[in-house]
Amino acid sequence: MKIELPFLGKTKDSFIEQGIKEYSGRLRHYTGLNINVLKVKRKKGWTEQQQRQEEGRILLGAMPPATLKIVLDSRGKQVSSKGLADLISRWEQEGRKHVAFLIGGPTGHSAEVLAEAELLLSFSLMTFTHDMVRLFLLEQIYRAYTIKAGEKYHK
């Protein structure tokens, strides 16, 4: 199974980018990983809804066919690290080829992206920057794979 991580724009902070590189390198030991940094157009005068729709179009357009879409959203389900490991195991058993975790822009996801979601997933009731969520997500996916492998990183 290949993990797809389409990121809307570049990561701004170098310390977060360094962490992303660290965990993506670790994760490649367990599974295929594709981090795709997508160019986002921001037009002056666009409403938040127009911006969400453009970002949604870009995100959905970057997905390989038959990709399972997990959308990160504050209204989503919260799972433990073990719960995420169990979900990944289930997706592997189902024979899923591509699983994408979609992080929205500053104003969230478009209705089109939410409608495509197999699962809405929330990290917390707190608000984090989108760049930090990238790092947290990679660390949690890595942690899930170490749980599945019975390794002691999780302890």
Protein backbone atom coordinates (compact mmCIF):
# COMPACT_ATOMS: atom_id res chain seq x y z
CA MET A 1 0.00 0.00 0.00
CA LYS A 2 1.25 3.46 -0.85
CA ILE A 3 0.59 6.47 1.38
CA GLU A 4 -0.21 9.62 -0.59
CA LEU A 5 0.40 12.97 1.12
CA PRO A 6 -0.59 15.87 -1.11
CA PHE A 7 0.50 19.10 0.55
CA LEU A 8 -1.02 22.42 -0.49
CA GLY A 9 2.07 24.58 -0.98
CA LYS A 10 5.53 24.38 0.52
CA THR A 11 6.27 23.92 4.21
CA LYS A 12 7.25 27.33 5.53
CA ASP A 13 9.33 26.57 8.63
CA SER A 14 12.66 24.81 8.12
CA PHE A 15 12.47 22.96 11.45
CA ILE A 16 9.13 21.43 10.42
CA GLU A 17 10.51 20.56 6.98
CA GLN A 18 13.45 18.85 8.68
CA GLY A 19 11.04 16.77 10.79
CA ILE A 20 9.01 15.87 7.70
CA LYS A 21 12.18 14.65 5.98
CA GLU A 22 13.16 12.64 9.07
CA TYR A 23 9.84 10.82 9.42
CA SER A 24 9.31 10.33 5.71
CA GLY A 25 12.75 8.69 5.56
CA ARG A 26 11.88 6.42 8.48
CA LEU A 27 8.49 5.56 7.01
CA ARG A 28 9.89 4.43 3.66
CA HIS A 29 11.25 1.37 5.51
CA TYR A 30 7.64 0.20 6.01
CA THR A 31 5.58 1.40 3.07
CA GLY A 32 5.59 3.37 -0.15
CA LEU A 33 5.25 7.09 0.41
CA ASN A 34 4.53 9.90 -2.00
CA ILE A 35 4.70 13.48 -0.74
CA ASN A 36 3.40 15.73 -3.47
CA VAL A 37 3.79 19.48 -2.90
CA LEU A 38 1.01 21.08 -4.92
CA LYS A 39 1.04 24.61 -6.27
CA VAL A 40 -1.89 26.63 -5.00
CA LYS A 41 -3.31 29.67 -6.72
CA ARG A 42 -4.52 32.43 -4.45
CA LYS A 43 -6.39 35.14 -6.26
CA LYS A 44 -6.99 38.52 -4.76
CA GLY A 45 -10.66 39.06 -4.14
CA TRP A 46 -11.59 35.39 -3.84
CA THR A 47 -13.96 34.47 -1.05
CA GLU A 48 -13.01 31.75 1.43
CA GLN A 49 -15.42 29.42 -0.35
CA GLN A 50 -13.78 30.08 -3.73
CA GLN A 51 -10.34 29.43 -2.20
CA ARG A 52 -11.56 26.17 -0.61
CA GLN A 53 -13.04 25.05 -3.93
CA GLU A 54 -9.78 25.76 -5.77
CA GLU A 55 -7.73 23.94 -3.14
CA GLY A 56 -10.18 21.03 -3.22
CA ARG A 57 -9.95 20.82 -7.01
CA ILE A 58 -6.16 20.72 -6.75
CA LEU A 59 -6.16 18.08 -3.98
CA LEU A 60 -8.66 15.78 -5.69
CA GLY A 61 -6.92 16.21 -9.03
CA ALA A 62 -3.65 14.96 -7.55
CA MET A 63 -5.07 11.57 -6.51
CA PRO A 64 -4.32 8.34 -8.37
CA PRO A 65 -7.48 6.45 -9.42
CA ALA A 66 -9.29 4.47 -6.69
CA THR A 67 -7.44 6.26 -3.88
CA LEU A 68 -8.93 5.89 -0.40
CA LYS A 69 -9.28 9.45 0.88
CA ILE A 70 -8.84 10.21 4.58
CA VAL A 71 -9.68 13.85 5.21
CA LEU A 72 -8.26 15.63 8.24
CA ASP A 73 -11.01 17.78 9.69
CA SER A 74 -11.72 19.08 13.19
CA ARG A 75 -15.20 17.48 13.07
CA GLY A 76 -13.72 14.08 12.32
CA LYS A 77 -13.26 10.97 14.39
CA GLN A 78 -10.38 10.88 16.85
CA VAL A 79 -8.45 7.63 17.07
CA SER A 80 -5.53 6.46 19.18
CA SER A 81 -2.18 5.57 17.64
CA LYS A 82 -3.15 1.89 18.02
CA GLY A 83 -6.47 2.70 16.33
CA LEU A 84 -4.62 4.22 13.37
CA ALA A 85 -2.40 1.12 13.17
CA ASP A 86 -5.56 -1.01 13.09
CA LEU A 87 -7.05 1.13 10.31
CA ILE A 88 -3.87 0.83 8.24
CA SER A 89 -3.88 -2.94 8.76
CA ARG A 90 -7.51 -3.10 7.62
CA TRP A 91 -6.78 -1.05 4.51
CA GLU A 92 -3.85 -3.32 3.67
CA GLN A 93 -6.03 -6.42 4.14
CA GLU A 94 -8.66 -4.88 1.86
CA GLY A 95 -5.97 -4.58 -0.80
CA ARG A 96 -6.01 -0.80 -1.00
CA LYS A 97 -3.29 0.39 -3.38
CA HIS A 98 -3.32 4.09 -2.42
CA VAL A 99 -4.42 5.80 0.79
CA ALA A 100 -4.30 9.60 0.85
CA PHE A 101 -4.43 11.82 3.90
CA LEU A 102 -5.78 15.22 2.86
CA ILE A 103 -4.92 18.33 4.86
CA GLY A 104 -6.93 21.41 3.89
CA GLY A 105 -5.86 24.99 3.59
CA PRO A 106 -6.33 27.70 6.24
CA THR A 107 -10.12 27.77 5.78
CA GLY A 108 -10.65 24.02 5.71
CA HIS A 109 -11.92 21.68 3.02
CA SER A 110 -14.42 22.22 0.23
CA ALA A 111 -17.73 20.36 0.22
CA GLU A 112 -16.39 18.30 -2.71
CA VAL A 113 -13.41 17.04 -0.70
CA LEU A 114 -15.58 16.26 2.32
CA ALA A 115 -18.00 14.33 0.09
CA GLU A 116 -15.11 12.20 -1.27
CA ALA A 117 -13.86 11.25 2.21
CA GLU A 118 -13.96 7.63 3.28
CA LEU A 119 -13.14 8.86 6.78
CA LEU A 120 -12.98 12.25 8.47
CA LEU A 121 -10.10 12.14 10.94
CA SER A 122 -9.35 14.69 13.67
CA PHE A 123 -6.07 15.01 15.54
CA SER A 124 -7.46 17.18 18.28
CA LEU A 125 -10.06 19.75 19.22
CA MET A 126 -7.15 22.20 19.26
CA THR A 127 -6.12 24.12 16.17
CA PHE A 128 -2.68 23.55 14.65
CA THR A 129 -0.94 25.13 11.68
CA HIS A 130 -1.25 23.10 8.50
CA ASP A 131 2.52 22.70 8.40
CA MET A 132 2.59 21.24 11.92
CA VAL A 133 -0.21 18.82 11.03
CA ARG A 134 1.99 17.53 8.19
CA LEU A 135 4.70 16.63 10.68
CA PHE A 136 2.26 15.22 13.26
CA LEU A 137 0.61 13.11 10.58
CA LEU A 138 3.89 11.63 9.35
CA GLU A 139 4.96 10.86 12.91
CA GLN A 140 1.65 9.15 13.65
CA ILE A 141 1.74 7.09 10.45
CA TYR A 142 5.31 6.06 11.32
CA ARG A 143 4.19 5.21 14.87
CA ALA A 144 1.32 3.13 13.47
CA TYR A 145 3.72 1.08 11.36
CA THR A 146 6.03 0.50 14.33
CA ILE A 147 3.03 -0.66 16.36
CA LYS A 148 2.09 -3.06 13.56
CA ALA A 149 5.68 -4.36 13.48
CA GLY A 150 5.77 -4.82 17.27
CA GLU A 151 8.72 -2.45 17.61
CA LYS A 152 9.43 -0.46 20.74
CA TYR A 153 9.26 3.06 19.26
CA HIS A 154 5.67 3.28 20.48
CA LYS A 155 6.45 2.50 24.11
